[in-house]
Amino acid sequence: MLLSNSSSADMSIEDPEVVEMLNQIEELEKKLFSHPLHKSQNEHQLKCFQRKAEVNYEIQQLKSKMCDSQLQKFRDELRNRSQVLKKLGHSDADGTIKI
């Protein structure tokens, strides 16, 4: 669905943000339709790109899990250190360090 500036005028859209978004959509659609893969009939090539997209998504998910895991390890270590400081009498019940 290619939109044109006249489309926004036809719909009586005057909000500059909406007009800008319509222009961006139009530009992206032009890029999409002009891309060689859009016209490609090579199913193997399309499947390869689809698999690549799936693998990239999986990579992002694993990176997110890894980051969460590292944060959890940091929290556990912080809690353990806080407990040790309390046992040694270097911090009070609120976790404030005594000098």
PDB file of N, CA and C in Angstrom:
ATOM      1  N   MET A   1       0.848  -1.163   0.000  1.00  0.00           N
ATOM      2  CA  MET A   1       0.000   0.000   0.000  1.00  0.00           C
ATOM      3  C   MET A   1       0.895   1.227   0.000  1.00  0.00           C
ATOM      4  N   LEU A   2       1.061   1.799  -1.133  1.00  0.00           N
ATOM      5  CA  LEU A   2       1.865   3.003  -1.223  1.00  0.00           C
ATOM      6  C   LEU A   2       0.988   4.204  -0.938  1.00  0.00           C
ATOM      7  N   LEU A   3       1.428   5.005   0.010  1.00  0.00           N
ATOM      8  CA  LEU A   3       0.709   6.219   0.348  1.00  0.00           C
ATOM      9  C   LEU A   3       1.439   7.387  -0.255  1.00  0.00           C
ATOM     10  N   SER A   4       0.730   8.393  -0.582  1.00  0.00           N
ATOM     11  CA  SER A   4       1.385   9.585  -1.096  1.00  0.00           C
ATOM     12  C   SER A   4       0.979  10.768  -0.253  1.00  0.00           C
ATOM     13  N   ASN A   5       1.694  11.850  -0.436  1.00  0.00           N
ATOM     14  CA  ASN A   5       1.355  13.058   0.306  1.00  0.00           C
ATOM     15  C   ASN A   5      -0.067  13.489   0.024  1.00  0.00           C
ATOM     16  N   SER A   6      -0.527  13.228  -1.194  1.00  0.00           N
ATOM     17  CA  SER A   6      -1.898  13.591  -1.516  1.00  0.00           C
ATOM     18  C   SER A   6      -2.886  12.739  -0.722  1.00  0.00           C
ATOM     19  N   SER A   7      -2.467  11.516  -0.324  1.00  0.00           N
ATOM     20  CA  SER A   7      -3.340  10.673   0.491  1.00  0.00           C
ATOM     21  C   SER A   7      -3.649  11.344   1.815  1.00  0.00           C
ATOM     22  N   SER A   8      -2.614  11.920   2.432  1.00  0.00           N
ATOM     23  CA  SER A   8      -2.845  12.593   3.702  1.00  0.00           C
ATOM     24  C   SER A   8      -3.705  13.822   3.494  1.00  0.00           C
ATOM     25  N   ALA A   9      -3.553  14.502   2.353  1.00  0.00           N
ATOM     26  CA  ALA A   9      -4.390  15.658   2.071  1.00  0.00           C
ATOM     27  C   ALA A   9      -5.821  15.214   1.804  1.00  0.00           C
ATOM     28  N   ASP A  10      -5.981  14.082   1.089  1.00  0.00           N
ATOM     29  CA  ASP A  10      -7.319  13.560   0.803  1.00  0.00           C
ATOM     30  C   ASP A  10      -8.052  13.193   2.084  1.00  0.00           C
ATOM     31  N   MET A  11      -7.298  12.722   3.069  1.00  0.00           N
ATOM     32  CA  MET A  11      -7.917  12.315   4.331  1.00  0.00           C
ATOM     33  C   MET A  11      -8.040  13.489   5.294  1.00  0.00           C
ATOM     34  N   SER A  12      -7.658  14.662   4.880  1.00  0.00           N
ATOM     35  CA  SER A  12      -7.721  15.881   5.697  1.00  0.00           C
ATOM     36  C   SER A  12      -6.905  15.755   6.973  1.00  0.00           C
ATOM     37  N   ILE A  13      -5.753  15.139   6.849  1.00  0.00           N
ATOM     38  CA  ILE A  13      -4.865  14.989   7.996  1.00  0.00           C
ATOM     39  C   ILE A  13      -3.954  16.200   8.032  1.00  0.00           C
ATOM     40  N   GLU A  14      -3.987  16.904   9.141  1.00  0.00           N
ATOM     41  CA  GLU A  14      -3.171  18.104   9.264  1.00  0.00           C
ATOM     42  C   GLU A  14      -2.123  17.988  10.356  1.00  0.00           C
ATOM     43  N   ASP A  15      -2.216  16.975  11.177  1.00  0.00           N
ATOM     44  CA  ASP A  15      -1.255  16.793  12.268  1.00  0.00           C
ATOM     45  C   ASP A  15       0.123  16.506  11.667  1.00  0.00           C
ATOM     46  N   PRO A  16       1.116  17.357  11.960  1.00  0.00           N
ATOM     47  CA  PRO A  16       2.439  17.173  11.347  1.00  0.00           C
ATOM     48  C   PRO A  16       3.086  15.830  11.699  1.00  0.00           C
ATOM     49  N   GLU A  17       2.826  15.321  12.888  1.00  0.00           N
ATOM     50  CA  GLU A  17       3.408  14.030  13.275  1.00  0.00           C
ATOM     51  C   GLU A  17       2.848  12.911  12.411  1.00  0.00           C
ATOM     52  N   VAL A  18       1.545  12.945  12.174  1.00  0.00           N
ATOM     53  CA  VAL A  18       0.909  11.907  11.362  1.00  0.00           C
ATOM     54  C   VAL A  18       1.385  12.012   9.923  1.00  0.00           C
ATOM     55  N   VAL A  19       1.479  13.224   9.404  1.00  0.00           N
ATOM     56  CA  VAL A  19       1.959  13.418   8.037  1.00  0.00           C
ATOM     57  C   VAL A  19       3.393  12.908   7.914  1.00  0.00           C
ATOM     58  N   GLU A  20       4.219  13.197   8.910  1.00  0.00           N
ATOM     59  CA  GLU A  20       5.606  12.715   8.894  1.00  0.00           C
ATOM     60  C   GLU A  20       5.655  11.193   8.927  1.00  0.00           C
ATOM     61  N   MET A  21       4.805  10.588   9.751  1.00  0.00           N
ATOM     62  CA  MET A  21       4.764   9.120   9.819  1.00  0.00           C
ATOM     63  C   MET A  21       4.323   8.542   8.482  1.00  0.00           C
ATOM     64  N   LEU A  22       3.339   9.156   7.836  1.00  0.00           N
ATOM     65  CA  LEU A  22       2.897   8.683   6.521  1.00  0.00           C
ATOM     66  C   LEU A  22       4.030   8.789   5.504  1.00  0.00           C
ATOM     67  N   ASN A  23       4.797   9.866   5.562  1.00  0.00           N
ATOM     68  CA  ASN A  23       5.941  10.020   4.662  1.00  0.00           C
ATOM     69  C   ASN A  23       6.985   8.940   4.920  1.00  0.00           C
ATOM     70  N   GLN A  24       7.236   8.625   6.193  1.00  0.00           N
ATOM     71  CA  GLN A  24       8.207   7.578   6.529  1.00  0.00           C
ATOM     72  C   GLN A  24       7.720   6.218   6.042  1.00  0.00           C
ATOM     73  N   ILE A  25       6.426   5.965   6.198  1.00  0.00           N
ATOM     74  CA  ILE A  25       5.859   4.698   5.723  1.00  0.00           C
ATOM     75  C   ILE A  25       6.024   4.587   4.216  1.00  0.00           C
ATOM     76  N   GLU A  26       5.745   5.675   3.524  1.00  0.00           N
ATOM     77  CA  GLU A  26       5.878   5.679   2.072  1.00  0.00           C
ATOM     78  C   GLU A  26       7.317   5.399   1.655  1.00  0.00           C
ATOM     79  N   GLU A  27       8.277   6.027   2.306  1.00  0.00           N
ATOM     80  CA  GLU A  27       9.687   5.801   1.976  1.00  0.00           C
ATOM     81  C   GLU A  27      10.090   4.353   2.232  1.00  0.00           C
ATOM     82  N   LEU A  28       9.647   3.804   3.371  1.00  0.00           N
ATOM     83  CA  LEU A  28       9.991   2.413   3.685  1.00  0.00           C
ATOM     84  C   LEU A  28       9.356   1.442   2.698  1.00  0.00           C
ATOM     85  N   GLU A  29       8.128   1.724   2.277  1.00  0.00           N
ATOM     86  CA  GLU A  29       7.481   0.854   1.293  1.00  0.00           C
ATOM     87  C   GLU A  29       8.214   0.906  -0.042  1.00  0.00           C
ATOM     88  N   LYS A  30       8.669   2.088  -0.427  1.00  0.00           N
ATOM     89  CA  LYS A  30       9.432   2.204  -1.673  1.00  0.00           C
ATOM     90  C   LYS A  30      10.705   1.376  -1.578  1.00  0.00           C
ATOM     91  N   LYS A  31      11.396   1.447  -0.430  1.00  0.00           N
ATOM     92  CA  LYS A  31      12.619   0.665  -0.243  1.00  0.00           C
ATOM     93  C   LYS A  31      12.304  -0.825  -0.290  1.00  0.00           C
ATOM     94  N   LEU A  32      11.212  -1.213   0.355  1.00  0.00           N
ATOM     95  CA  LEU A  32      10.817  -2.621   0.380  1.00  0.00           C
ATOM     96  C   LEU A  32      10.538  -3.134  -1.025  1.00  0.00           C
ATOM     97  N   PHE A  33       9.735  -2.403  -1.773  1.00  0.00           N
ATOM     98  CA  PHE A  33       9.357  -2.855  -3.105  1.00  0.00           C
ATOM     99  C   PHE A  33      10.516  -2.804  -4.091  1.00  0.00           C
ATOM    100  N   SER A  34      11.505  -1.950  -3.857  1.00  0.00           N
ATOM    101  CA  SER A  34      12.638  -1.874  -4.768  1.00  0.00           C
ATOM    102  C   SER A  34      13.736  -2.876  -4.415  1.00  0.00           C
ATOM    103  N   HIS A  35      13.627  -3.515  -3.247  1.00  0.00           N
ATOM    104  CA  HIS A  35      14.645  -4.470  -2.824  1.00  0.00           C
ATOM    105  C   HIS A  35      14.589  -5.713  -3.715  1.00  0.00           C
ATOM    106  N   PRO A  36      15.751  -6.238  -4.115  1.00  0.00           N
ATOM    107  CA  PRO A  36      15.769  -7.408  -5.003  1.00  0.00           C
ATOM    108  C   PRO A  36      15.044  -8.626  -4.437  1.00  0.00           C
ATOM    109  N   LEU A  37      15.072  -8.813  -3.138  1.00  0.00           N
ATOM    110  CA  LEU A  37      14.400  -9.983  -2.563  1.00  0.00           C
ATOM    111  C   LEU A  37      12.887  -9.886  -2.670  1.00  0.00           C
ATOM    112  N   HIS A  38      12.375  -8.681  -2.752  1.00  0.00           N
ATOM    113  CA  HIS A  38      10.919  -8.528  -2.857  1.00  0.00           C
ATOM    114  C   HIS A  38      10.401  -9.142  -4.152  1.00  0.00           C
ATOM    115  N   LYS A  39      11.214  -9.068  -5.187  1.00  0.00           N
ATOM    116  CA  LYS A  39      10.822  -9.594  -6.491  1.00  0.00           C
ATOM    117  C   LYS A  39      11.337 -11.014  -6.716  1.00  0.00           C
ATOM    118  N   SER A  40      12.137 -11.493  -5.792  1.00  0.00           N
ATOM    119  CA  SER A  40      12.786 -12.790  -5.962  1.00  0.00           C
ATOM    120  C   SER A  40      11.789 -13.935  -5.870  1.00  0.00           C
ATOM    121  N   GLN A  41      11.979 -14.907  -6.718  1.00  0.00           N
ATOM    122  CA  GLN A  41      11.160 -16.117  -6.697  1.00  0.00           C
ATOM    123  C   GLN A  41      11.947 -17.301  -6.136  1.00  0.00           C
ATOM    124  N   ASN A  42      13.190 -17.043  -5.721  1.00  0.00           N
ATOM    125  CA  ASN A  42      14.066 -18.088  -5.227  1.00  0.00           C
ATOM    126  C   ASN A  42      13.678 -18.423  -3.784  1.00  0.00           C
ATOM    127  N   GLU A  43      12.935 -19.506  -3.614  1.00  0.00           N
ATOM    128  CA  GLU A  43      12.448 -19.888  -2.284  1.00  0.00           C
ATOM    129  C   GLU A  43      13.585 -20.254  -1.340  1.00  0.00           C
ATOM    130  N   HIS A  44      14.622 -20.898  -1.860  1.00  0.00           N
ATOM    131  CA  HIS A  44      15.757 -21.275  -1.022  1.00  0.00           C
ATOM    132  C   HIS A  44      16.404 -20.042  -0.408  1.00  0.00           C
ATOM    133  N   GLN A  45      16.587 -19.016  -1.226  1.00  0.00           N
ATOM    134  CA  GLN A  45      17.203 -17.778  -0.737  1.00  0.00           C
ATOM    135  C   GLN A  45      16.306 -17.125   0.320  1.00  0.00           C
ATOM    136  N   LEU A  46      15.021 -17.120   0.074  1.00  0.00           N
ATOM    137  CA  LEU A  46      14.090 -16.528   1.040  1.00  0.00           C
ATOM    138  C   LEU A  46      14.086 -17.312   2.357  1.00  0.00           C
ATOM    139  N   LYS A  47      14.139 -18.639   2.256  1.00  0.00           N
ATOM    140  CA  LYS A  47      14.183 -19.464   3.463  1.00  0.00           C
ATOM    141  C   LYS A  47      15.466 -19.213   4.249  1.00  0.00           C
ATOM    142  N   CYS A  48      16.563 -19.015   3.538  1.00  0.00           N
ATOM    143  CA  CYS A  48      17.843 -18.728   4.205  1.00  0.00           C
ATOM    144  C   CYS A  48      17.759 -17.415   4.975  1.00  0.00           C
ATOM    145  N   PHE A  49      17.180 -16.396   4.352  1.00  0.00           N
ATOM    146  CA  PHE A  49      17.051 -15.118   5.034  1.00  0.00           C
ATOM    147  C   PHE A  49      16.085 -15.209   6.211  1.00  0.00           C
ATOM    148  N   GLN A  50      15.033 -16.004   6.056  1.00  0.00           N
ATOM    149  CA  GLN A  50      14.086 -16.191   7.153  1.00  0.00           C
ATOM    150  C   GLN A  50      14.774 -16.901   8.317  1.00  0.00           C
ATOM    151  N   ARG A  51      15.562 -17.905   8.013  1.00  0.00           N
ATOM    152  CA  ARG A  51      16.296 -18.633   9.060  1.00  0.00           C
ATOM    153  C   ARG A  51      17.298 -17.699   9.739  1.00  0.00           C
ATOM    154  N   LYS A  52      17.954 -16.853   8.955  1.00  0.00           N
ATOM    155  CA  LYS A  52      18.910 -15.906   9.526  1.00  0.00           C
ATOM    156  C   LYS A  52      18.197 -14.969  10.503  1.00  0.00           C
ATOM    157  N   ALA A  53      17.011 -14.506  10.132  1.00  0.00           N
ATOM    158  CA  ALA A  53      16.243 -13.627  11.011  1.00  0.00           C
ATOM    159  C   ALA A  53      15.866 -14.362  12.300  1.00  0.00           C
ATOM    160  N   GLU A  54      15.476 -15.621  12.186  1.00  0.00           N
ATOM    161  CA  GLU A  54      15.129 -16.415  13.366  1.00  0.00           C
ATOM    162  C   GLU A  54      16.343 -16.597  14.276  1.00  0.00           C
ATOM    163  N   VAL A  55      17.494 -16.883  13.677  1.00  0.00           N
ATOM    164  CA  VAL A  55      18.718 -17.078  14.456  1.00  0.00           C
ATOM    165  C   VAL A  55      19.113 -15.772  15.148  1.00  0.00           C
ATOM    166  N   ASN A  56      18.994 -14.652  14.440  1.00  0.00           N
ATOM    167  CA  ASN A  56      19.298 -13.358  15.062  1.00  0.00           C
ATOM    168  C   ASN A  56      18.381 -13.084  16.240  1.00  0.00           C
ATOM    169  N   TYR A  57      17.110 -13.466  16.110  1.00  0.00           N
ATOM    170  CA  TYR A  57      16.172 -13.291  17.219  1.00  0.00           C
ATOM    171  C   TYR A  57      16.594 -14.168  18.404  1.00  0.00           C
ATOM    172  N   GLU A  58      16.967 -15.399  18.125  1.00  0.00           N
ATOM    173  CA  GLU A  58      17.410 -16.304  19.188  1.00  0.00           C
ATOM    174  C   GLU A  58      18.666 -15.748  19.874  1.00  0.00           C
ATOM    175  N   ILE A  59      19.575 -15.187  19.088  1.00  0.00           N
ATOM    176  CA  ILE A  59      20.792 -14.594  19.654  1.00  0.00           C
ATOM    177  C   ILE A  59      20.429 -13.472  20.609  1.00  0.00           C
ATOM    178  N   GLN A  60      19.505 -12.614  20.203  1.00  0.00           N
ATOM    179  CA  GLN A  60      19.084 -11.508  21.069  1.00  0.00           C
ATOM    180  C   GLN A  60      18.455 -12.028  22.358  1.00  0.00           C
ATOM    181  N   GLN A  61      17.665 -13.093  22.253  1.00  0.00           N
ATOM    182  CA  GLN A  61      17.046 -13.679  23.445  1.00  0.00           C
ATOM    183  C   GLN A  61      18.108 -14.243  24.381  1.00  0.00           C
ATOM    184  N   LEU A  62      19.100 -14.927  23.823  1.00  0.00           N
ATOM    185  CA  LEU A  62      20.167 -15.501  24.650  1.00  0.00           C
ATOM    186  C   LEU A  62      21.010 -14.411  25.301  1.00  0.00           C
ATOM    187  N   LYS A  63      21.281 -13.333  24.563  1.00  0.00           N
ATOM    188  CA  LYS A  63      22.031 -12.224  25.148  1.00  0.00           C
ATOM    189  C   LYS A  63      21.261 -11.613  26.306  1.00  0.00           C
ATOM    190  N   SER A  64      19.948 -11.497  26.139  1.00  0.00           N
ATOM    191  CA  SER A  64      19.112 -10.943  27.199  1.00  0.00           C
ATOM    192  C   SER A  64      19.143 -11.846  28.433  1.00  0.00           C
ATOM    193  N   LYS A  65      19.036 -13.162  28.216  1.00  0.00           N
ATOM    194  CA  LYS A  65      19.096 -14.113  29.337  1.00  0.00           C
ATOM    195  C   LYS A  65      20.457 -14.049  30.020  1.00  0.00           C
ATOM    196  N   MET A  66      21.527 -13.920  29.232  1.00  0.00           N
ATOM    197  CA  MET A  66      22.868 -13.860  29.785  1.00  0.00           C
ATOM    198  C   MET A  66      23.018 -12.612  30.660  1.00  0.00           C
ATOM    199  N   CYS A  67      22.514 -11.495  30.177  1.00  0.00           N
ATOM    200  CA  CYS A  67      22.593 -10.257  30.939  1.00  0.00           C
ATOM    201  C   CYS A  67      21.808 -10.394  32.239  1.00  0.00           C
ATOM    202  N   ASP A  68      20.595 -10.955  32.148  1.00  0.00           N
ATOM    203  CA  ASP A  68      19.784 -11.168  33.351  1.00  0.00           C
ATOM    204  C   ASP A  68      20.493 -12.086  34.333  1.00  0.00           C
ATOM    205  N   SER A  69      21.162 -13.119  33.816  1.00  0.00           N
ATOM    206  CA  SER A  69      21.879 -14.058  34.662  1.00  0.00           C
ATOM    207  C   SER A  69      23.034 -13.361  35.377  1.00  0.00           C
ATOM    208  N   GLN A  70      23.762 -12.523  34.657  1.00  0.00           N
ATOM    209  CA  GLN A  70      24.874 -11.804  35.263  1.00  0.00           C
ATOM    210  C   GLN A  70      24.370 -10.842  36.332  1.00  0.00           C
ATOM    211  N   LEU A  71      23.242 -10.197  36.072  1.00  0.00           N
ATOM    212  CA  LEU A  71      22.665  -9.298  37.072  1.00  0.00           C
ATOM    213  C   LEU A  71      22.240 -10.069  38.319  1.00  0.00           C
ATOM    214  N   GLN A  72      21.678 -11.267  38.111  1.00  0.00           N
ATOM    215  CA  GLN A  72      21.260 -12.069  39.256  1.00  0.00           C
ATOM    216  C   GLN A  72      22.474 -12.504  40.077  1.00  0.00           C
ATOM    217  N   LYS A  73      23.561 -12.871  39.414  1.00  0.00           N
ATOM    218  CA  LYS A  73      24.780 -13.242  40.131  1.00  0.00           C
ATOM    219  C   LYS A  73      25.305 -12.058  40.941  1.00  0.00           C
ATOM    220  N   PHE A  74      25.254 -10.870  40.350  1.00  0.00           N
ATOM    221  CA  PHE A  74      25.704  -9.670  41.042  1.00  0.00           C
ATOM    222  C   PHE A  74      24.838  -9.411  42.275  1.00  0.00           C
ATOM    223  N   ARG A  75      23.517  -9.561  42.116  1.00  0.00           N
ATOM    224  CA  ARG A  75      22.605  -9.353  43.257  1.00  0.00           C
ATOM    225  C   ARG A  75      22.880 -10.361  44.373  1.00  0.00           C
ATOM    226  N   ASP A  76      23.099 -11.622  43.994  1.00  0.00           N
ATOM    227  CA  ASP A  76      23.390 -12.655  44.988  1.00  0.00           C
ATOM    228  C   ASP A  76      24.690 -12.332  45.736  1.00  0.00           C
ATOM    229  N   GLU A  77      25.708 -11.921  44.986  1.00  0.00           N
ATOM    230  CA  GLU A  77      26.983 -11.585  45.611  1.00  0.00           C
ATOM    231  C   GLU A  77      26.829 -10.379  46.534  1.00  0.00           C
ATOM    232  N   LEU A  78      26.067  -9.399  46.116  1.00  0.00           N
ATOM    233  CA  LEU A  78      25.830  -8.219  46.936  1.00  0.00           C
ATOM    234  C   LEU A  78      25.098  -8.598  48.227  1.00  0.00           C
ATOM    235  N   ARG A  79      24.101  -9.462  48.119  1.00  0.00           N
ATOM    236  CA  ARG A  79      23.362  -9.902  49.299  1.00  0.00           C
ATOM    237  C   ARG A  79      24.283 -10.652  50.257  1.00  0.00           C
ATOM    238  N   ASN A  80      25.132 -11.525  49.707  1.00  0.00           N
ATOM    239  CA  ASN A  80      26.062 -12.289  50.541  1.00  0.00           C
ATOM    240  C   ASN A  80      27.054 -11.370  51.251  1.00  0.00           C
ATOM    241  N   ARG A  81      27.577 -10.384  50.525  1.00  0.00           N
ATOM    242  CA  ARG A  81      28.521  -9.452  51.151  1.00  0.00           C
ATOM    243  C   ARG A  81      27.837  -8.637  52.243  1.00  0.00           C
ATOM    244  N   SER A  82      26.607  -8.258  52.003  1.00  0.00           N
ATOM    245  CA  SER A  82      25.849  -7.498  52.996  1.00  0.00           C
ATOM    246  C   SER A  82      25.650  -8.336  54.264  1.00  0.00           C
ATOM    247  N   GLN A  83      25.339  -9.608  54.083  1.00  0.00           N
ATOM    248  CA  GLN A  83      25.159 -10.491  55.236  1.00  0.00           C
ATOM    249  C   GLN A  83      26.462 -10.628  56.025  1.00  0.00           C
ATOM    250  N   VAL A  84      27.576 -10.753  55.337  1.00  0.00           N
ATOM    251  CA  VAL A  84      28.866 -10.868  56.013  1.00  0.00           C
ATOM    252  C   VAL A  84      29.170  -9.604  56.807  1.00  0.00           C
ATOM    253  N   LEU A  85      28.923  -8.449  56.209  1.00  0.00           N
ATOM    254  CA  LEU A  85      29.161  -7.182  56.921  1.00  0.00           C
ATOM    255  C   LEU A  85      28.281  -7.068  58.161  1.00  0.00           C
ATOM    256  N   LYS A  86      27.034  -7.558  58.078  1.00  0.00           N
ATOM    257  CA  LYS A  86      26.145  -7.533  59.246  1.00  0.00           C
ATOM    258  C   LYS A  86      26.687  -8.454  60.331  1.00  0.00           C
ATOM    259  N   LYS A  87      27.125  -9.653  59.964  1.00  0.00           N
ATOM    260  CA  LYS A  87      27.648 -10.611  60.940  1.00  0.00           C
ATOM    261  C   LYS A  87      28.902 -10.091  61.626  1.00  0.00           C
ATOM    262  N   LEU A  88      29.724  -9.366  60.885  1.00  0.00           N
ATOM    263  CA  LEU A  88      30.952  -8.816  61.460  1.00  0.00           C
ATOM    264  C   LEU A  88      30.700  -7.520  62.226  1.00  0.00           C
ATOM    265  N   GLY A  89      29.466  -7.042  62.191  1.00  0.00           N
ATOM    266  CA  GLY A  89      29.119  -5.833  62.922  1.00  0.00           C
ATOM    267  C   GLY A  89      29.522  -4.543  62.219  1.00  0.00           C
ATOM    268  N   HIS A  90      29.784  -4.599  60.939  1.00  0.00           N
ATOM    269  CA  HIS A  90      30.176  -3.408  60.186  1.00  0.00           C
ATOM    270  C   HIS A  90      28.988  -2.690  59.545  1.00  0.00           C
ATOM    271  N   SER A  91      27.788  -3.281  59.646  1.00  0.00           N
ATOM    272  CA  SER A  91      26.597  -2.612  59.136  1.00  0.00           C
ATOM    273  C   SER A  91      25.430  -2.889  60.076  1.00  0.00           C
ATOM    274  N   ASP A  92      24.449  -1.994  60.054  1.00  0.00           N
ATOM    275  CA  ASP A  92      23.295  -2.170  60.928  1.00  0.00           C
ATOM    276  C   ASP A  92      22.195  -2.935  60.189  1.00  0.00           C
ATOM    277  N   ALA A  93      21.021  -3.034  60.791  1.00  0.00           N
ATOM    278  CA  ALA A  93      19.916  -3.817  60.219  1.00  0.00           C
ATOM    279  C   ALA A  93      19.435  -3.216  58.901  1.00  0.00           C
ATOM    280  N   ASP A  94      19.618  -1.910  58.712  1.00  0.00           N
ATOM    281  CA  ASP A  94      19.183  -1.268  57.471  1.00  0.00           C
ATOM    282  C   ASP A  94      20.212  -1.414  56.348  1.00  0.00           C
ATOM    283  N   GLY A  95      21.375  -1.966  56.663  1.00  0.00           N
ATOM    284  CA  GLY A  95      22.418  -2.134  55.672  1.00  0.00           C
ATOM    285  C   GLY A  95      23.343  -0.942  55.577  1.00  0.00           C
ATOM    286  N   THR A  96      23.231  -0.013  56.525  1.00  0.00           N
ATOM    287  CA  THR A  96      24.111   1.157  56.558  1.00  0.00           C
ATOM    288  C   THR A  96      25.440   0.762  57.171  1.00  0.00           C
ATOM    289  N   ILE A  97      26.512   1.139  56.496  1.00  0.00           N
ATOM    290  CA  ILE A  97      27.862   0.797  56.961  1.00  0.00           C
ATOM    291  C   ILE A  97      28.245   1.694  58.118  1.00  0.00           C
ATOM    292  N   LYS A  98      28.781   1.060  59.186  1.00  0.00           N
ATOM    293  CA  LYS A  98      29.253   1.795  60.362  1.00  0.00           C
ATOM    294  C   LYS A  98      30.766   2.002  60.209  1.00  0.00           C
ATOM    295  N   ILE A  99      31.209   3.154  60.655  1.00  0.00           N
ATOM    296  CA  ILE A  99      32.646   3.425  60.579  1.00  0.00           C
ATOM    297  C   ILE A  99      33.246   3.379  61.965  1.00  0.00           C
TER     298      ILE A  99
END
